[in-house]
N, C-alpha and C. Protein backbone atom coordinates (compact mmCIF):
# COMPACT_ATOMS: atom_id res chain seq x y z
N UNK A 1 14.04 -35.59 -87.16
CA UNK A 1 15.46 -35.09 -87.26
C UNK A 1 15.99 -35.16 -88.72
N UNK A 2 16.51 -34.21 -89.11
CA UNK A 2 17.00 -34.15 -90.62
C UNK A 2 18.26 -34.93 -90.75
N UNK A 3 18.75 -35.27 -91.81
CA UNK A 3 19.76 -36.06 -92.18
C UNK A 3 21.20 -35.56 -91.66
N UNK A 4 21.34 -34.27 -91.73
CA UNK A 4 22.77 -33.69 -91.14
C UNK A 4 22.78 -34.19 -89.61
N UNK A 5 21.58 -33.68 -88.80
CA UNK A 5 21.61 -33.96 -87.47
C UNK A 5 21.69 -35.48 -87.11
N UNK A 6 21.04 -36.30 -87.92
CA UNK A 6 21.15 -37.81 -87.69
C UNK A 6 22.54 -38.32 -87.93
N UNK A 7 23.19 -37.83 -89.06
CA UNK A 7 24.44 -38.34 -89.34
C UNK A 7 25.54 -37.74 -88.31
N UNK A 8 25.34 -36.53 -88.03
CA UNK A 8 26.24 -35.99 -86.86
C UNK A 8 26.13 -36.72 -85.63
N UNK A 9 24.97 -37.15 -85.19
CA UNK A 9 24.83 -37.93 -83.93
C UNK A 9 25.52 -39.31 -84.12
N UNK A 10 25.38 -39.98 -85.19
CA UNK A 10 25.96 -41.20 -85.59
C UNK A 10 27.43 -41.12 -85.44
N UNK A 11 28.03 -40.11 -86.08
CA UNK A 11 29.52 -39.92 -86.30
C UNK A 11 30.00 -39.59 -84.84
N UNK A 12 29.46 -38.73 -84.08
CA UNK A 12 29.70 -38.38 -82.76
C UNK A 12 29.83 -39.57 -81.79
N UNK A 13 28.77 -40.43 -81.93
CA UNK A 13 28.80 -41.63 -81.10
C UNK A 13 29.78 -42.55 -81.53
N UNK A 14 30.15 -42.76 -82.87
CA UNK A 14 31.06 -43.74 -83.32
C UNK A 14 32.57 -43.29 -82.90
N UNK A 15 32.84 -41.94 -83.19
CA UNK A 15 34.16 -41.55 -82.84
C UNK A 15 34.45 -41.57 -81.32
N UNK A 16 33.43 -41.12 -80.63
CA UNK A 16 33.52 -41.28 -79.04
C UNK A 16 33.80 -42.63 -78.62
N UNK A 17 33.01 -43.65 -79.20
CA UNK A 17 33.35 -45.09 -78.85
C UNK A 17 34.64 -45.46 -79.13
N UNK A 18 35.15 -45.05 -80.29
CA UNK A 18 36.54 -45.51 -80.70
C UNK A 18 37.53 -44.78 -79.82
N UNK A 19 37.36 -43.46 -79.45
CA UNK A 19 38.20 -42.86 -78.59
C UNK A 19 38.25 -43.54 -77.20
N UNK A 20 37.10 -44.01 -76.72
CA UNK A 20 37.12 -44.64 -75.45
C UNK A 20 37.94 -45.98 -75.57
N UNK A 21 37.81 -46.74 -76.64
CA UNK A 21 38.50 -47.99 -76.88
C UNK A 21 40.00 -47.75 -76.88
N UNK A 22 40.45 -46.73 -77.53
CA UNK A 22 41.92 -46.47 -77.75
C UNK A 22 42.54 -45.74 -76.30
N UNK A 23 41.67 -44.95 -75.70
CA UNK A 23 42.23 -44.17 -74.58
C UNK A 23 42.23 -45.01 -73.37
N UNK A 24 42.93 -46.20 -73.31
CA UNK A 24 43.19 -46.92 -72.14
C UNK A 24 44.31 -46.49 -71.33
N UNK A 25 44.16 -46.40 -70.02
CA UNK A 25 45.28 -46.01 -69.24
C UNK A 25 46.65 -46.56 -69.26
N UNK A 26 46.60 -47.81 -69.87
CA UNK A 26 47.83 -48.69 -69.95
C UNK A 26 48.71 -48.10 -71.22
N UNK A 27 48.05 -47.53 -72.13
CA UNK A 27 48.75 -47.09 -73.43
C UNK A 27 49.68 -45.89 -73.16
N UNK A 28 50.75 -45.90 -73.94
CA UNK A 28 51.70 -44.81 -73.83
C UNK A 28 51.34 -43.60 -74.59
N UNK A 29 50.29 -43.82 -75.57
CA UNK A 29 49.83 -42.73 -76.32
C UNK A 29 48.62 -41.88 -75.69
N UNK A 30 48.62 -40.69 -76.04
CA UNK A 30 47.52 -39.85 -75.57
C UNK A 30 46.60 -39.77 -76.82
N UNK A 31 45.30 -39.76 -76.63
CA UNK A 31 44.24 -39.77 -77.71
C UNK A 31 43.38 -38.43 -77.49
N UNK A 32 43.25 -37.62 -78.48
CA UNK A 32 42.49 -36.42 -78.33
C UNK A 32 41.36 -36.28 -79.28
N UNK A 33 40.26 -36.26 -78.60
CA UNK A 33 38.97 -36.33 -79.54
C UNK A 33 38.56 -34.79 -79.67
N UNK A 34 38.52 -34.36 -80.88
CA UNK A 34 38.20 -33.01 -81.19
C UNK A 34 36.89 -32.98 -81.98
N UNK A 35 35.86 -32.24 -81.29
CA UNK A 35 34.67 -32.15 -82.05
C UNK A 35 34.21 -30.81 -82.21
N UNK A 36 33.96 -30.38 -83.44
CA UNK A 36 33.59 -29.06 -83.79
C UNK A 36 32.06 -29.19 -84.23
N UNK A 37 31.24 -29.04 -83.47
CA UNK A 37 29.74 -29.21 -83.75
C UNK A 37 29.34 -28.07 -84.70
N UNK A 38 29.83 -26.90 -84.54
CA UNK A 38 29.30 -25.84 -85.49
C UNK A 38 29.50 -26.16 -86.91
N UNK A 39 30.68 -26.85 -87.22
CA UNK A 39 31.13 -27.20 -88.56
C UNK A 39 30.87 -28.57 -88.89
N UNK A 40 30.49 -29.44 -87.94
CA UNK A 40 30.21 -30.90 -88.10
C UNK A 40 31.46 -31.49 -88.53
N UNK A 41 32.64 -31.32 -87.65
CA UNK A 41 33.84 -31.84 -88.07
C UNK A 41 34.35 -32.67 -86.86
N UNK A 42 34.82 -33.90 -87.08
CA UNK A 42 35.22 -34.75 -85.98
C UNK A 42 36.64 -35.35 -86.26
N UNK A 43 37.56 -35.23 -85.21
CA UNK A 43 38.94 -35.63 -85.37
C UNK A 43 39.31 -36.38 -84.17
N UNK A 44 40.07 -37.62 -84.34
CA UNK A 44 40.69 -38.30 -83.38
C UNK A 44 42.13 -38.33 -83.60
N UNK A 45 42.92 -37.77 -82.68
CA UNK A 45 44.43 -37.70 -82.95
C UNK A 45 45.10 -38.55 -81.96
N UNK A 46 46.21 -39.05 -82.36
CA UNK A 46 47.14 -39.77 -81.30
C UNK A 46 48.48 -39.20 -81.27
N UNK A 47 48.99 -39.03 -80.11
CA UNK A 47 50.38 -38.65 -79.90
C UNK A 47 51.00 -39.33 -78.75
N UNK A 48 52.39 -39.42 -78.87
CA UNK A 48 53.23 -40.02 -77.77
C UNK A 48 54.53 -40.30 -78.16
N UNK A 49 55.16 -41.24 -77.32
CA UNK A 49 56.62 -41.45 -77.53
C UNK A 49 56.74 -43.01 -77.61
N UNK A 50 57.53 -43.35 -78.52
CA UNK A 50 58.10 -44.91 -78.70
C UNK A 50 59.50 -44.71 -78.54
N UNK A 51 60.12 -44.92 -77.31
CA UNK A 51 61.33 -44.77 -77.13
C UNK A 51 61.76 -43.33 -77.31
N UNK A 52 62.71 -42.96 -78.09
CA UNK A 52 63.16 -41.56 -78.42
C UNK A 52 62.38 -41.11 -79.55
N UNK A 53 61.58 -41.77 -80.23
CA UNK A 53 60.78 -41.30 -81.38
C UNK A 53 59.39 -40.81 -81.00
N UNK A 54 58.98 -39.73 -81.30
CA UNK A 54 57.68 -39.21 -81.22
C UNK A 54 56.82 -39.51 -82.37
N UNK A 55 55.60 -39.91 -82.05
CA UNK A 55 54.55 -40.14 -83.09
C UNK A 55 53.33 -39.24 -82.84
N UNK A 56 52.82 -38.80 -83.95
CA UNK A 56 51.70 -37.80 -83.94
C UNK A 56 50.89 -37.97 -85.18
N UNK A 57 49.58 -38.26 -85.05
CA UNK A 57 48.89 -38.36 -86.28
C UNK A 57 47.39 -38.43 -86.13
N UNK A 58 46.76 -38.31 -87.24
CA UNK A 58 45.27 -38.60 -87.33
C UNK A 58 44.94 -40.00 -87.34
N UNK A 59 43.99 -40.39 -86.38
CA UNK A 59 43.48 -41.65 -86.53
C UNK A 59 42.19 -41.77 -87.30
N UNK A 60 41.36 -40.59 -87.03
CA UNK A 60 40.12 -40.57 -87.72
C UNK A 60 39.85 -39.06 -88.01
N UNK A 61 39.42 -38.73 -89.22
CA UNK A 61 38.80 -37.41 -89.50
C UNK A 61 37.42 -37.61 -90.29
N UNK A 62 36.41 -37.19 -89.88
CA UNK A 62 35.20 -37.31 -90.43
C UNK A 62 34.50 -35.89 -90.45
N UNK A 63 33.59 -35.66 -91.33
CA UNK A 63 32.88 -34.45 -91.47
C UNK A 63 31.45 -34.64 -92.15
N UNK A 64 30.52 -33.97 -91.76
CA UNK A 64 29.25 -33.84 -92.43
C UNK A 64 29.12 -32.63 -93.12
N UNK A 65 29.07 -32.66 -94.48
CA UNK A 65 28.92 -31.41 -95.23
C UNK A 65 27.44 -30.83 -95.43
N UNK A 66 27.27 -29.71 -95.76
CA UNK A 66 26.04 -29.15 -95.89
C UNK A 66 25.02 -29.77 -96.73
N UNK A 67 25.69 -30.63 -97.82
CA UNK A 67 24.75 -31.48 -98.63
C UNK A 67 24.33 -32.61 -98.01
N UNK A 68 24.77 -32.97 -96.78
CA UNK A 68 24.34 -34.20 -96.11
C UNK A 68 25.22 -35.32 -96.37
N UNK A 69 26.29 -35.15 -97.11
CA UNK A 69 27.32 -36.14 -97.42
C UNK A 69 28.16 -36.22 -96.20
N UNK A 70 28.58 -37.51 -95.78
CA UNK A 70 29.60 -37.79 -94.73
C UNK A 70 30.86 -38.05 -95.40
N UNK A 71 31.88 -37.22 -95.26
CA UNK A 71 33.21 -37.37 -95.65
C UNK A 71 34.05 -38.06 -94.69
N UNK A 72 34.48 -39.18 -94.94
CA UNK A 72 35.49 -39.87 -94.05
C UNK A 72 36.86 -39.61 -94.64
N UNK A 73 37.50 -38.54 -94.12
CA UNK A 73 38.71 -37.97 -94.88
C UNK A 73 39.91 -38.92 -94.47
N UNK A 74 39.92 -39.58 -93.50
CA UNK A 74 40.89 -40.39 -92.98
C UNK A 74 40.50 -41.49 -91.96
N UNK A 75 40.98 -42.73 -92.05
CA UNK A 75 40.79 -43.73 -91.16
C UNK A 75 42.09 -44.59 -90.93
N UNK A 76 42.89 -44.28 -89.94
CA UNK A 76 44.12 -44.93 -89.76
C UNK A 76 43.95 -45.89 -88.50
N UNK A 77 42.73 -46.64 -88.36
CA UNK A 77 42.55 -47.53 -87.45
C UNK A 77 42.46 -48.97 -88.12
N UNK A 78 42.41 -49.99 -87.21
CA UNK A 78 42.14 -51.28 -87.64
C UNK A 78 40.73 -51.66 -87.61
N UNK A 79 39.89 -50.61 -87.21
CA UNK A 79 38.53 -50.75 -86.95
C UNK A 79 37.52 -50.70 -88.13
N UNK A 80 38.08 -50.11 -89.31
CA UNK A 80 37.29 -49.88 -90.56
C UNK A 80 35.93 -49.11 -90.14
N UNK A 81 36.17 -47.88 -89.89
CA UNK A 81 35.18 -46.89 -89.44
C UNK A 81 33.93 -46.85 -90.40
N UNK A 82 34.25 -47.05 -91.67
CA UNK A 82 33.07 -46.89 -92.62
C UNK A 82 32.13 -48.05 -92.28
N UNK A 83 32.58 -49.15 -91.89
CA UNK A 83 31.66 -50.31 -91.48
C UNK A 83 30.84 -49.90 -90.21
N UNK A 84 31.30 -49.25 -89.36
CA UNK A 84 30.67 -48.78 -88.15
C UNK A 84 29.44 -47.90 -88.66
N UNK A 85 29.76 -46.84 -89.62
CA UNK A 85 28.83 -45.89 -90.13
C UNK A 85 27.77 -46.60 -90.84
N UNK A 86 28.06 -47.69 -91.72
CA UNK A 86 27.02 -48.38 -92.42
C UNK A 86 26.11 -49.14 -91.53
N UNK A 87 26.69 -49.76 -90.53
CA UNK A 87 25.79 -50.50 -89.52
C UNK A 87 24.94 -49.68 -88.75
N UNK A 88 25.37 -48.48 -88.52
CA UNK A 88 24.40 -47.51 -87.76
C UNK A 88 23.27 -46.74 -88.69
N UNK A 89 23.35 -47.04 -90.04
CA UNK A 89 22.36 -46.55 -90.83
C UNK A 89 22.76 -45.44 -91.93
N UNK A 90 24.00 -45.12 -92.03
CA UNK A 90 24.31 -44.13 -93.11
C UNK A 90 24.61 -44.95 -94.36
N UNK A 91 23.84 -44.61 -95.46
CA UNK A 91 24.02 -45.47 -96.68
C UNK A 91 25.31 -45.19 -97.46
N UNK A 92 25.76 -46.04 -98.29
CA UNK A 92 26.90 -45.86 -99.05
C UNK A 92 26.93 -44.59 -99.81
N UNK A 93 25.69 -44.29 -100.45
CA UNK A 93 25.44 -43.30 -101.26
C UNK A 93 25.73 -41.83 -100.54
N UNK A 94 25.68 -41.90 -99.26
CA UNK A 94 25.99 -40.57 -98.60
C UNK A 94 27.38 -40.70 -97.97
N UNK A 95 28.17 -41.53 -98.20
CA UNK A 95 29.57 -41.57 -97.63
C UNK A 95 30.64 -41.35 -98.63
N UNK A 96 31.49 -40.44 -98.65
CA UNK A 96 32.62 -40.21 -99.45
C UNK A 96 33.77 -40.67 -98.72
N UNK A 97 34.55 -41.63 -99.42
CA UNK A 97 35.77 -42.04 -98.90
C UNK A 97 36.87 -41.07 -99.38
N UNK A 98 37.23 -40.05 -98.54
CA UNK A 98 38.04 -38.93 -98.97
C UNK A 98 39.36 -39.31 -99.30
N UNK A 99 40.05 -40.26 -98.96
CA UNK A 99 41.38 -40.70 -99.19
C UNK A 99 41.54 -41.24 -100.70
N UNK A 100 40.37 -41.49 -101.31
CA UNK A 100 40.57 -41.91 -102.68
C UNK A 100 40.34 -40.81 -103.73
N UNK A 101 40.97 -40.64 -104.72
CA UNK A 101 40.73 -39.67 -105.75
C UNK A 101 39.38 -39.76 -106.29
N UNK A 102 38.73 -38.66 -106.77
CA UNK A 102 37.38 -38.77 -107.26
C UNK A 102 37.15 -39.78 -108.41
N UNK A 103 38.31 -39.85 -109.23
CA UNK A 103 38.17 -40.90 -110.32
C UNK A 103 38.19 -42.31 -109.73
N UNK A 104 38.80 -42.65 -108.68
CA UNK A 104 38.68 -43.92 -108.08
C UNK A 104 37.39 -44.20 -107.38
N UNK A 105 36.82 -43.25 -106.87
CA UNK A 105 35.55 -43.32 -106.13
C UNK A 105 34.42 -43.78 -107.18
N UNK A 106 34.59 -43.41 -108.42
CA UNK A 106 33.49 -43.79 -109.42
C UNK A 106 33.28 -45.25 -109.47
N UNK A 107 34.24 -45.98 -109.18
CA UNK A 107 34.19 -47.47 -109.29
C UNK A 107 33.70 -48.17 -108.03
N UNK A 108 33.26 -47.43 -107.08
CA UNK A 108 32.76 -48.00 -105.81
C UNK A 108 31.26 -47.79 -105.67
N UNK A 109 30.65 -48.32 -104.69
CA UNK A 109 29.29 -48.03 -104.46
C UNK A 109 29.01 -46.75 -103.60
N UNK A 110 30.23 -46.19 -103.19
CA UNK A 110 30.21 -44.97 -102.34
C UNK A 110 29.95 -43.77 -103.12
N UNK A 111 29.63 -42.52 -102.39
CA UNK A 111 29.49 -41.38 -103.07
C UNK A 111 30.86 -40.86 -103.76
N UNK A 112 30.68 -40.09 -104.90
CA UNK A 112 31.85 -39.58 -105.53
C UNK A 112 32.11 -38.23 -104.79
N UNK A 113 31.28 -37.32 -104.57
CA UNK A 113 31.47 -36.12 -104.00
C UNK A 113 30.26 -35.65 -103.10
């Protein structure tokens, strides 16, 4: 199995596991798992109401690019998704922390682009 397929499978398993963890019936929020397999893009959204205030936002956005790099565009969980990816075999050199500017990525062990 090539790198893109391997990384896609890992991300799909991770984001599904996190969705299942968040999507408990007792929560007031709805969680939407959006998987675009053709474009290797994965999104977990949260929305709901807290009193009279609506909340809506991205919990996780990940993507596998054509060059085999995994872009973690956003992680708004307390779970530290990048650790889950590392534990499952995606090396730091193939993970781009998309919320950091490219100049900031140069000082990490993660991929710059």
